[in-house]
């Protein structure tokens, strides 16, 4: 094996490790939520903001991060994002109030939005389209899928042994080390086009503000009332901001999302819509099952974290299998299989009971969900960057990450509102709290399964059904557009 070949795979290890931390941070706080709520006096309704503050700024600024990577240099933005992410993690661990922590999580999301699309577009730059890229993206898919499960495991260990603050402090040495190593391993070519460098800050701010307000209105609706003037007014403002974003994109010189632009590839559109729905289902699973294990079954944070080990291992194994299946059979059949398996796992999870057991209520649906998520993440990642022009790699990378983060935030907002509404209604009628909580979680997980099924339908209708072709050396290369 040549030194150049070795260097490529070492670069992939670095990029995947950074992405692992980014994905992990969307879930690492889940097991720590009860401890955070007690320490910083969060209400049950507001706890979801510890997750959503991160995912919303992450999702809202990913497209800007992707464009900045294309124009200013991918390695440069990767390092800048790592540094900002590390500083925000330190600030979050030092938080003394709920507002302080939420603000730090938002800045963390901004750092992640700078580094994540740069990392994925660097992978597509280092590995040419074909079997090697599919293997590399199989690693990427394993990281994206297992990061969530590993996050709750690591979160449980750190919360139990060191305190909730360490779920944030742990990012600091990792981020700094990666930033120092990056210049030695990653290509530093600049990719600015001839027409100059223009950044659509207005678009990034309008879409982030619109999505944040949309999520806030959904979370707040249980208290304010779904038909109240407050809820309807907030929803109207959110809609106006999102419409404003579309208008800005159509008129600005260098839009974050060129309409129709990159969406000329039907598979790109289908994959990104599917990614929204997968994330809506995935985030709900980690959030509600973490709360169920601790608030209903009485697990401590470490026990809850260890309970996710089969899920993490299953995703890693299934992602490796999925990368080979995608190379041989193409994106579509693997993706649809993954979405249907995820739906089955969530349907099983929706049968949890107040007196449940790990074996009967958690282990087996975790294993099914693990294979579903591994089979879903790999083809989504492969198809998301297939067929795009080199100068659009950052945009394509930003789009798939945006779809996942925005989908996760919106899904969690909707499902948390549904779960809290059901739980509050039962608690007010005199139902015991463990039963009320469980029934709220059941309804939310059932709707999450519906998201996964809807994703499978969209994949069936929109994702390309090309057959794999053979290259000169006999490798299979799927046609994904």
Protein backbone atom coordinates (compact mmCIF):
# COMPACT_ATOMS: atom_id res chain seq x y z
CA UNK A 1 0.00 0.00 0.00
CA UNK A 2 1.46 3.36 -1.06
CA UNK A 3 2.08 6.23 1.36
CA UNK A 4 -0.46 8.32 -0.59
CA UNK A 5 -3.05 5.57 -0.09
CA UNK A 6 -2.21 5.39 3.62
CA UNK A 7 -2.54 9.14 3.90
CA UNK A 8 -6.01 9.10 2.35
CA UNK A 9 -7.31 6.66 4.92
CA UNK A 10 -5.60 8.48 7.80
CA UNK A 11 -7.29 11.67 6.60
CA UNK A 12 -10.61 9.80 6.60
CA UNK A 13 -10.01 8.70 10.21
CA UNK A 14 -9.47 12.33 11.24
CA UNK A 15 -12.51 13.63 9.35
CA UNK A 16 -14.74 10.81 10.58
CA UNK A 17 -13.56 11.35 14.16
CA UNK A 18 -14.50 15.03 13.96
CA UNK A 19 -17.89 14.18 12.47
CA UNK A 20 -18.36 11.55 15.18
CA UNK A 21 -17.99 14.23 17.86
CA UNK A 22 -20.41 16.53 16.02
CA UNK A 23 -23.08 13.82 15.74
CA UNK A 24 -22.38 12.57 19.23
CA UNK A 25 -23.06 16.04 20.65
CA UNK A 26 -26.62 16.00 19.38
CA UNK A 27 -27.29 12.99 21.63
CA UNK A 28 -24.65 12.97 24.39
CA UNK A 29 -26.76 15.31 26.51
CA UNK A 30 -29.86 13.06 26.35
CA UNK A 31 -28.86 10.80 29.24
CA UNK A 32 -27.65 13.85 31.18
CA UNK A 33 -30.95 15.73 30.76
CA UNK A 34 -32.46 14.77 34.14
CA UNK A 35 -29.22 15.82 35.89
CA UNK A 36 -29.02 19.04 33.87
CA UNK A 37 -32.67 19.80 34.60
CA UNK A 38 -32.08 19.44 38.34
CA UNK A 39 -28.79 21.36 38.40
CA UNK A 40 -29.95 24.32 36.28
CA UNK A 41 -33.66 24.30 37.17
CA UNK A 42 -35.09 23.40 33.76
CA UNK A 43 -38.78 22.58 33.35
CA UNK A 44 -39.75 19.31 31.61
CA UNK A 45 -41.02 21.25 28.57
CA UNK A 46 -37.82 23.30 28.25
CA UNK A 47 -35.41 20.35 28.49
CA UNK A 48 -35.73 19.69 24.76
CA UNK A 49 -34.02 23.06 24.14
CA UNK A 50 -30.73 21.63 25.39
CA UNK A 51 -30.88 19.44 22.26
CA UNK A 52 -32.69 21.82 19.92
CA UNK A 53 -30.46 24.87 20.54
CA UNK A 54 -27.61 22.81 19.10
CA UNK A 55 -29.45 21.15 16.22
CA UNK A 56 -31.20 24.32 15.06
CA UNK A 57 -28.10 26.50 14.74
CA UNK A 58 -26.27 23.50 13.31
CA UNK A 59 -28.97 22.94 10.70
CA UNK A 60 -29.65 26.63 10.04
CA UNK A 61 -26.05 27.59 9.29
CA UNK A 62 -24.89 24.39 7.55
CA UNK A 63 -25.58 25.73 4.08
CA UNK A 64 -23.59 28.88 4.82
CA UNK A 65 -20.83 26.67 6.25
CA UNK A 66 -20.85 24.56 3.10
CA UNK A 67 -20.56 27.61 0.86
CA UNK A 68 -17.78 29.10 3.00
CA UNK A 69 -15.94 25.78 2.70
CA UNK A 70 -16.24 25.90 -1.10
CA UNK A 71 -15.06 29.53 -1.29
CA UNK A 72 -12.58 29.98 1.55
CA UNK A 73 -11.06 26.51 1.61
CA UNK A 74 -12.37 23.32 3.16
CA UNK A 75 -9.43 22.64 5.44
CA UNK A 76 -9.49 26.23 6.71
CA UNK A 77 -13.20 26.08 7.61
CA UNK A 78 -12.79 22.61 9.12
CA UNK A 79 -10.14 23.92 11.53
CA UNK A 80 -12.07 27.13 12.29
CA UNK A 81 -15.18 25.11 13.08
CA UNK A 82 -13.26 22.78 15.39
CA UNK A 83 -11.86 25.71 17.38
CA UNK A 84 -15.26 27.44 17.75
CA UNK A 85 -16.89 24.12 18.68
CA UNK A 86 -14.27 23.49 21.38
CA UNK A 87 -14.60 26.98 22.91
CA UNK A 88 -18.41 26.69 23.03
CA UNK A 89 -18.14 23.25 24.64
CA UNK A 90 -15.95 24.70 27.38
CA UNK A 91 -18.45 27.53 27.94
CA UNK A 92 -21.34 25.06 28.10
CA UNK A 93 -19.63 22.93 30.72
CA UNK A 94 -19.14 26.05 32.85
CA UNK A 95 -22.83 27.08 32.55
CA UNK A 96 -24.50 28.37 35.71
CA UNK A 97 -28.02 28.86 34.34
CA UNK A 98 -30.41 27.42 31.76
CA UNK A 99 -30.03 30.42 29.42
CA UNK A 100 -26.23 30.22 29.60
CA UNK A 101 -26.24 26.54 28.65
CA UNK A 102 -28.72 27.02 25.79
CA UNK A 103 -26.62 29.91 24.40
CA UNK A 104 -23.44 27.82 24.57
CA UNK A 105 -25.18 24.92 22.82
CA UNK A 106 -26.27 27.31 20.06
CA UNK A 107 -22.67 28.45 19.50
CA UNK A 108 -21.60 24.79 19.50
CA UNK A 109 -24.07 24.26 16.68
CA UNK A 110 -22.54 27.14 14.73
CA UNK A 111 -19.07 25.57 15.07
CA UNK A 112 -20.45 22.23 13.92
CA UNK A 113 -22.07 23.95 10.93
CA UNK A 114 -18.67 25.23 9.82
CA UNK A 115 -16.75 21.97 10.21
CA UNK A 116 -19.24 19.30 9.17
CA UNK A 117 -19.86 20.20 5.48
CA UNK A 118 -16.15 20.95 5.10
CA UNK A 119 -15.35 17.47 6.41
CA UNK A 120 -17.76 15.65 4.10
CA UNK A 121 -16.69 17.65 1.04
CA UNK A 122 -13.05 16.86 1.90
CA UNK A 123 -13.97 13.16 1.83
CA UNK A 124 -15.43 13.59 -1.66
CA UNK A 125 -12.29 15.48 -2.72
CA UNK A 126 -9.91 12.85 -1.35
CA UNK A 127 -11.82 9.81 -2.69
CA UNK A 128 -12.96 9.67 -6.32
CA UNK A 129 -16.51 8.54 -7.05
CA UNK A 130 -16.71 4.76 -7.16
CA UNK A 131 -15.99 1.79 -4.90
CA UNK A 132 -13.35 3.54 -2.75
CA UNK A 133 -15.65 6.50 -2.10
CA UNK A 134 -18.47 4.10 -1.21
CA UNK A 135 -16.19 2.41 1.33
CA UNK A 136 -15.19 5.79 2.75
CA UNK A 137 -18.82 6.89 2.93
CA UNK A 138 -19.67 3.57 4.55
CA UNK A 139 -17.31 4.61 7.35
CA UNK A 140 -18.96 8.03 7.34
CA UNK A 141 -22.42 6.46 7.56
CA UNK A 142 -21.33 4.24 10.44
CA UNK A 143 -20.06 7.32 12.25
CA UNK A 144 -23.24 9.29 11.58
CA UNK A 145 -25.46 6.48 12.75
CA UNK A 146 -23.45 5.17 15.68
CA UNK A 147 -22.54 8.63 16.97
CA UNK A 148 -26.03 9.02 18.36
CA UNK A 149 -25.94 5.72 20.22
CA UNK A 150 -22.36 6.21 21.37
CA UNK A 151 -23.35 9.66 22.59
CA UNK A 152 -25.87 8.33 25.06
CA UNK A 153 -23.41 5.66 26.25
CA UNK A 154 -20.59 8.15 26.78
CA UNK A 155 -23.06 10.65 28.23
CA UNK A 156 -24.17 8.10 30.80
CA UNK A 157 -20.61 7.23 31.80
CA UNK A 158 -19.52 10.85 32.14
CA UNK A 159 -22.68 11.95 33.97
CA UNK A 160 -22.42 9.09 36.44
CA UNK A 161 -18.68 9.27 37.10
CA UNK A 162 -17.77 12.93 36.59
CA UNK A 163 -20.93 15.05 36.40
CA UNK A 164 -23.08 16.35 33.55
CA UNK A 165 -20.59 19.14 32.77
CA UNK A 166 -18.18 16.58 31.35
CA UNK A 167 -20.50 15.67 28.48
CA UNK A 168 -19.38 19.06 27.15
CA UNK A 169 -15.84 19.31 28.52
CA UNK A 170 -14.90 16.07 26.72
CA UNK A 171 -15.08 17.86 23.35
CA UNK A 172 -12.35 20.36 24.21
CA UNK A 173 -9.19 18.18 24.03
CA UNK A 174 -10.57 16.20 21.08
CA UNK A 175 -11.36 19.35 19.09
CA UNK A 176 -8.02 21.01 19.79
CA UNK A 177 -6.06 17.86 18.91
CA UNK A 178 -7.95 17.45 15.63
CA UNK A 179 -7.35 21.12 14.74
CA UNK A 180 -3.60 20.68 15.28
CA UNK A 181 -3.39 17.47 13.22
CA UNK A 182 -5.57 18.67 10.30
CA UNK A 183 -2.92 20.73 8.43
CA UNK A 184 -0.64 17.68 8.29
CA UNK A 185 -3.20 15.31 6.75
CA UNK A 186 -5.75 17.29 4.78
CA UNK A 187 -5.41 18.93 1.34
CA UNK A 188 -5.43 22.72 1.53
CA UNK A 189 -6.38 23.72 -2.01
CA UNK A 190 -8.67 26.73 -2.26
CA UNK A 191 -11.79 26.43 -4.40
CA UNK A 192 -13.04 30.00 -4.88
CA UNK A 193 -14.75 30.46 -8.27
CA UNK A 194 -13.86 33.21 -10.70
CA UNK A 195 -16.79 35.49 -9.86
CA UNK A 196 -15.50 36.15 -6.33
CA UNK A 197 -16.56 35.43 -2.80
CA UNK A 198 -20.07 36.31 -1.66
CA UNK A 199 -21.77 35.00 1.46
CA UNK A 200 -25.51 34.87 1.92
CA UNK A 201 -25.66 35.87 5.59
CA UNK A 202 -29.22 37.21 5.17
CA UNK A 203 -30.36 33.81 3.93
CA UNK A 204 -28.63 31.96 6.77
CA UNK A 205 -30.08 34.25 9.45
CA UNK A 206 -33.61 34.21 8.00
CA UNK A 207 -33.82 30.42 7.70
CA UNK A 208 -32.32 29.86 11.17
CA UNK A 209 -34.63 32.43 12.78
CA UNK A 210 -37.64 31.00 10.97
CA UNK A 211 -36.91 27.41 11.97
CA UNK A 212 -36.06 28.39 15.57
CA UNK A 213 -39.32 30.30 15.91
CA UNK A 214 -41.23 27.39 14.37
CA UNK A 215 -39.74 24.97 16.89
CA UNK A 216 -40.33 27.37 19.79
CA UNK A 217 -43.98 27.81 18.81
CA UNK A 218 -44.47 24.03 18.73
CA UNK A 219 -42.77 23.52 22.11
CA UNK A 220 -44.67 26.43 23.67
CA UNK A 221 -48.05 25.40 22.25
CA UNK A 222 -48.87 23.06 25.15
CA UNK A 223 -48.75 25.98 27.58
CA UNK A 224 -50.09 28.75 25.34
CA UNK A 225 -52.73 26.62 23.61
CA UNK A 226 -52.62 25.31 20.05
CA UNK A 227 -55.31 27.73 18.86
CA UNK A 228 -54.14 30.72 20.91
CA UNK A 229 -53.19 34.06 19.39
CA UNK A 230 -49.61 33.56 20.68
CA UNK A 231 -49.13 30.21 18.95
CA UNK A 232 -50.80 31.28 15.71
CA UNK A 233 -48.87 34.57 15.67
CA UNK A 234 -45.53 32.83 16.21
CA UNK A 235 -46.30 30.29 13.50
CA UNK A 236 -47.21 33.11 11.11
CA UNK A 237 -43.95 34.96 11.79
CA UNK A 238 -41.97 31.72 11.37
CA UNK A 239 -43.70 31.06 8.03
CA UNK A 240 -42.97 34.64 6.90
CA UNK A 241 -39.27 34.24 7.72
CA UNK A 242 -39.04 30.94 5.84
CA UNK A 243 -40.85 32.45 2.81
CA UNK A 244 -38.47 35.40 3.10
CA UNK A 245 -35.55 32.97 2.94
CA UNK A 246 -36.87 31.51 -0.33
CA UNK A 247 -37.27 35.00 -1.81
CA UNK A 248 -33.75 35.97 -0.71
CA UNK A 249 -32.36 32.84 -2.34
CA UNK A 250 -34.05 33.66 -5.62
CA UNK A 251 -32.69 37.21 -5.73
CA UNK A 252 -29.26 37.14 -4.11
CA UNK A 253 -26.09 36.97 -6.20
CA UNK A 254 -24.70 33.92 -4.43
CA UNK A 255 -27.57 31.99 -2.76
CA UNK A 256 -27.09 29.30 -0.15
CA UNK A 257 -29.62 27.16 -2.03
CA UNK A 258 -29.69 27.88 -5.76
CA UNK A 259 -33.22 27.14 -6.96
CA UNK A 260 -33.53 24.91 -8.98
CA UNK A 261 -29.72 24.54 -9.19
CA UNK A 262 -28.54 21.43 -7.44
CA UNK A 263 -32.10 20.10 -7.29
CA UNK A 264 -31.90 19.36 -11.02
CA UNK A 265 -30.87 15.90 -9.77
CA UNK A 266 -34.10 14.23 -8.68
CA UNK A 267 -32.27 11.87 -6.34
CA UNK A 268 -30.71 14.82 -4.48
CA UNK A 269 -34.21 16.16 -3.78
CA UNK A 270 -35.55 12.77 -2.74
CA UNK A 271 -32.58 11.97 -0.52
CA UNK A 272 -32.78 15.26 1.34
CA UNK A 273 -36.53 14.94 1.95
CA UNK A 274 -35.97 11.38 3.14
CA UNK A 275 -33.14 12.54 5.43
CA UNK A 276 -35.51 15.00 7.11
CA UNK A 277 -37.90 12.17 7.97
CA UNK A 278 -35.18 9.75 9.10
CA UNK A 279 -33.87 12.39 11.51
CA UNK A 280 -37.37 13.14 12.80
CA UNK A 281 -37.67 9.46 13.72
CA UNK A 282 -34.09 8.99 14.99
CA UNK A 283 -33.96 11.96 17.38
CA UNK A 284 -37.27 10.94 18.96
CA UNK A 285 -35.96 7.45 19.68
CA UNK A 286 -32.87 8.59 21.58
CA UNK A 287 -34.70 11.36 23.43
CA UNK A 288 -37.74 9.40 24.62
CA UNK A 289 -36.07 6.06 25.30
CA UNK A 290 -33.39 7.84 27.39
CA UNK A 291 -36.10 9.52 29.46
CA UNK A 292 -38.12 6.29 29.69
CA UNK A 293 -35.18 4.32 31.08
CA UNK A 294 -34.42 6.93 33.75
CA UNK A 295 -37.78 8.46 34.61
CA UNK A 296 -39.89 5.29 34.39
CA UNK A 297 -37.60 2.27 34.81
CA UNK A 298 -35.34 4.03 37.33
CA UNK A 299 -32.02 3.49 35.53
CA UNK A 300 -29.12 5.69 36.58
CA UNK A 301 -27.27 7.58 33.78
CA UNK A 302 -24.58 4.90 33.43
CA UNK A 303 -27.11 2.06 33.16
CA UNK A 304 -29.05 4.02 30.54
CA UNK A 305 -25.87 4.63 28.56
CA UNK A 306 -24.74 1.00 28.66
CA UNK A 307 -28.22 -0.05 27.53
CA UNK A 308 -27.45 1.57 24.17
CA UNK A 309 -24.36 -0.55 23.48
CA UNK A 310 -26.18 -3.11 21.27
CA UNK A 311 -27.68 -0.25 19.27
CA UNK A 312 -24.27 1.37 18.68
CA UNK A 313 -22.64 -1.93 17.75
CA UNK A 314 -25.50 -2.87 15.46
CA UNK A 315 -25.26 0.39 13.53
CA UNK A 316 -21.51 0.01 13.01
CA UNK A 317 -21.91 -3.57 11.72
CA UNK A 318 -24.90 -2.77 9.51
CA UNK A 319 -23.20 0.31 8.01
CA UNK A 320 -20.27 -1.86 6.89
CA UNK A 321 -22.68 -4.31 5.29
CA UNK A 322 -24.69 -1.48 3.74
CA UNK A 323 -21.67 0.06 2.00
CA UNK A 324 -21.07 -3.24 0.19
CA UNK A 325 -24.76 -3.65 -0.68
CA UNK A 326 -24.94 -0.11 -2.07
CA UNK A 327 -21.90 -0.76 -4.29
CA UNK A 328 -23.48 -3.95 -5.63
CA UNK A 329 -27.21 -3.13 -5.79
CA UNK A 330 -27.46 0.66 -5.77
CA UNK A 331 -28.89 3.14 -3.28
CA UNK A 332 -32.63 2.65 -3.51
CA UNK A 333 -33.25 -0.94 -2.30
CA UNK A 334 -30.82 -0.58 0.63
CA UNK A 335 -32.33 2.75 1.68
CA UNK A 336 -35.93 1.54 1.59
CA UNK A 337 -35.00 -1.61 3.53
CA UNK A 338 -33.33 0.53 6.17
CA UNK A 339 -36.30 2.86 6.54
CA UNK A 340 -38.74 -0.04 6.90
CA UNK A 341 -36.54 -1.73 9.53
CA UNK A 342 -36.32 1.58 11.43
CA UNK A 343 -40.11 1.82 11.36
CA UNK A 344 -40.45 -1.71 12.74
CA UNK A 345 -38.04 -0.91 15.56
CA UNK A 346 -39.95 2.25 16.50
CA UNK A 347 -43.29 0.43 16.35
CA UNK A 348 -41.87 -2.12 18.80
CA UNK A 349 -40.53 0.69 21.00
CA UNK A 350 -44.03 2.22 21.06
CA UNK A 351 -45.17 -0.82 23.08
CA UNK A 352 -43.04 0.09 26.14
CA UNK A 353 -44.80 -0.32 29.47
CA UNK A 354 -44.47 1.27 32.94
CA UNK A 355 -43.26 -2.03 34.37
CA UNK A 356 -41.10 -2.90 31.39
CA UNK A 357 -37.80 -4.77 31.26
CA UNK A 358 -34.62 -4.25 29.28
CA UNK A 359 -34.93 -7.59 27.50
CA UNK A 360 -38.57 -7.21 26.59
CA UNK A 361 -38.88 -3.48 25.89
CA UNK A 362 -35.47 -2.16 24.82
CA UNK A 363 -32.94 -4.76 23.56
CA UNK A 364 -34.73 -6.29 20.58
CA UNK A 365 -36.24 -3.08 19.15
CA UNK A 366 -32.79 -1.50 19.59
CA UNK A 367 -31.20 -4.20 17.41
CA UNK A 368 -33.84 -3.85 14.68
CA UNK A 369 -33.53 -0.05 14.74
CA UNK A 370 -29.73 -0.35 14.58
CA UNK A 371 -29.79 -2.30 11.33
CA UNK A 372 -32.44 0.02 9.95
CA UNK A 373 -30.39 3.12 10.69
CA UNK A 374 -27.16 1.63 9.31
CA UNK A 375 -28.93 0.64 6.11
CA UNK A 376 -30.47 4.11 5.84
CA UNK A 377 -27.50 6.37 6.61
CA UNK A 378 -24.98 4.88 4.17
CA UNK A 379 -27.10 5.09 0.97
CA UNK A 380 -28.32 8.55 1.99
CA UNK A 381 -24.74 9.80 2.28
CA UNK A 382 -23.60 8.15 -0.95
CA UNK A 383 -26.53 9.52 -2.95
CA UNK A 384 -26.32 12.99 -1.39
CA UNK A 385 -22.95 13.72 -3.04
CA UNK A 386 -23.23 11.55 -6.17
CA UNK A 387 -23.26 13.34 -9.51
CA UNK A 388 -22.65 16.86 -8.18
CA UNK A 389 -20.02 19.15 -9.67
CA UNK A 390 -16.77 19.52 -7.65
CA UNK A 391 -17.52 23.18 -6.87
CA UNK A 392 -20.91 22.12 -5.45
CA UNK A 393 -19.50 19.48 -3.06
CA UNK A 394 -19.75 21.80 -0.06
CA UNK A 395 -23.32 22.73 -0.96
CA UNK A 396 -24.35 19.07 -1.36
CA UNK A 397 -22.64 18.17 1.92
CA UNK A 398 -24.34 21.08 3.65
CA UNK A 399 -27.73 20.11 2.27
CA UNK A 400 -27.71 16.54 3.59
CA UNK A 401 -26.45 17.65 7.00
CA UNK A 402 -29.02 20.46 7.08
CA UNK A 403 -31.82 18.05 6.25
CA UNK A 404 -30.79 15.75 9.10
CA UNK A 405 -30.35 18.47 11.73
CA UNK A 406 -33.45 20.47 10.83
CA UNK A 407 -35.46 17.27 10.59
CA UNK A 408 -34.22 16.21 14.01
CA UNK A 409 -35.10 19.55 15.61
CA UNK A 410 -38.55 19.74 14.03
CA UNK A 411 -39.30 16.10 14.77
CA UNK A 412 -38.26 16.45 18.39
CA UNK A 413 -40.33 19.63 18.78
CA UNK A 414 -43.44 18.00 17.32
CA UNK A 415 -43.06 14.72 19.19
CA UNK A 416 -42.11 16.36 22.50
CA UNK A 417 -45.25 18.49 22.21
CA UNK A 418 -47.35 15.39 21.51
CA UNK A 419 -45.77 13.42 24.36
CA UNK A 420 -46.02 16.27 26.89
CA UNK A 421 -49.63 16.96 25.95
CA UNK A 422 -50.60 13.32 26.49
CA UNK A 423 -48.64 13.09 29.75
CA UNK A 424 -50.08 16.34 31.14
CA UNK A 425 -53.62 15.31 30.27
CA UNK A 426 -53.25 11.95 32.04
CA UNK A 427 -51.48 13.45 35.06
CA UNK A 428 -54.25 16.01 35.52
CA UNK A 429 -56.82 13.20 35.53
CA UNK A 430 -55.01 11.49 38.41
CA UNK A 431 -52.99 8.89 36.49
CA UNK A 432 -49.73 7.90 38.19
CA UNK A 433 -46.76 9.77 36.70
CA UNK A 434 -44.82 6.69 35.45
CA UNK A 435 -47.92 5.58 33.55
CA UNK A 436 -48.58 9.10 32.22
CA UNK A 437 -45.00 9.50 31.06
CA UNK A 438 -44.97 6.09 29.39
CA UNK A 439 -48.16 6.74 27.46
CA UNK A 440 -46.77 10.07 26.26
CA UNK A 441 -43.61 8.35 25.06
CA UNK A 442 -45.66 5.61 23.37
CA UNK A 443 -47.63 8.06 21.26
CA UNK A 444 -44.50 9.98 20.26
CA UNK A 445 -42.64 6.81 19.23
CA UNK A 446 -45.64 5.63 17.22
CA UNK A 447 -45.68 8.89 15.27
CA UNK A 448 -41.89 8.55 14.83
CA UNK A 449 -42.49 5.19 13.15
CA UNK A 450 -44.90 6.96 10.83
CA UNK A 451 -42.13 9.38 9.83
CA UNK A 452 -39.88 6.46 8.88
CA UNK A 453 -42.65 4.84 6.79
CA UNK A 454 -43.32 8.15 5.02
CA UNK A 455 -39.58 8.38 4.30
CA UNK A 456 -39.68 4.93 2.67
CA UNK A 457 -42.58 6.04 0.46
CA UNK A 458 -40.69 9.17 -0.64
CA UNK A 459 -37.57 7.12 -1.36
CA UNK A 460 -39.65 4.74 -3.49
CA UNK A 461 -41.11 7.61 -5.51
CA UNK A 462 -38.19 10.05 -5.79
CA UNK A 463 -34.85 8.26 -5.46
CA UNK A 464 -33.27 7.06 -8.71
CA UNK A 465 -33.45 3.36 -9.50
CA UNK A 466 -30.33 3.04 -11.65
CA UNK A 467 -28.59 -0.31 -11.85
CA UNK A 468 -24.93 -0.60 -10.77
CA UNK A 469 -22.31 -0.64 -13.51
CA UNK A 470 -18.92 -2.36 -13.61
CA UNK A 471 -15.71 -0.37 -13.93
CA UNK A 472 -12.71 -1.66 -15.90
CA UNK A 473 -11.28 -3.33 -12.79
CA UNK A 474 -14.55 -5.16 -12.16
CA UNK A 475 -15.80 -3.04 -9.28
CA UNK A 476 -19.47 -2.13 -9.06
CA UNK A 477 -20.39 1.56 -9.15
CA UNK A 478 -24.08 2.37 -8.49
CA UNK A 479 -25.97 4.82 -10.67
CA UNK A 480 -27.77 6.99 -8.13
CA UNK A 481 -29.28 9.84 -10.16
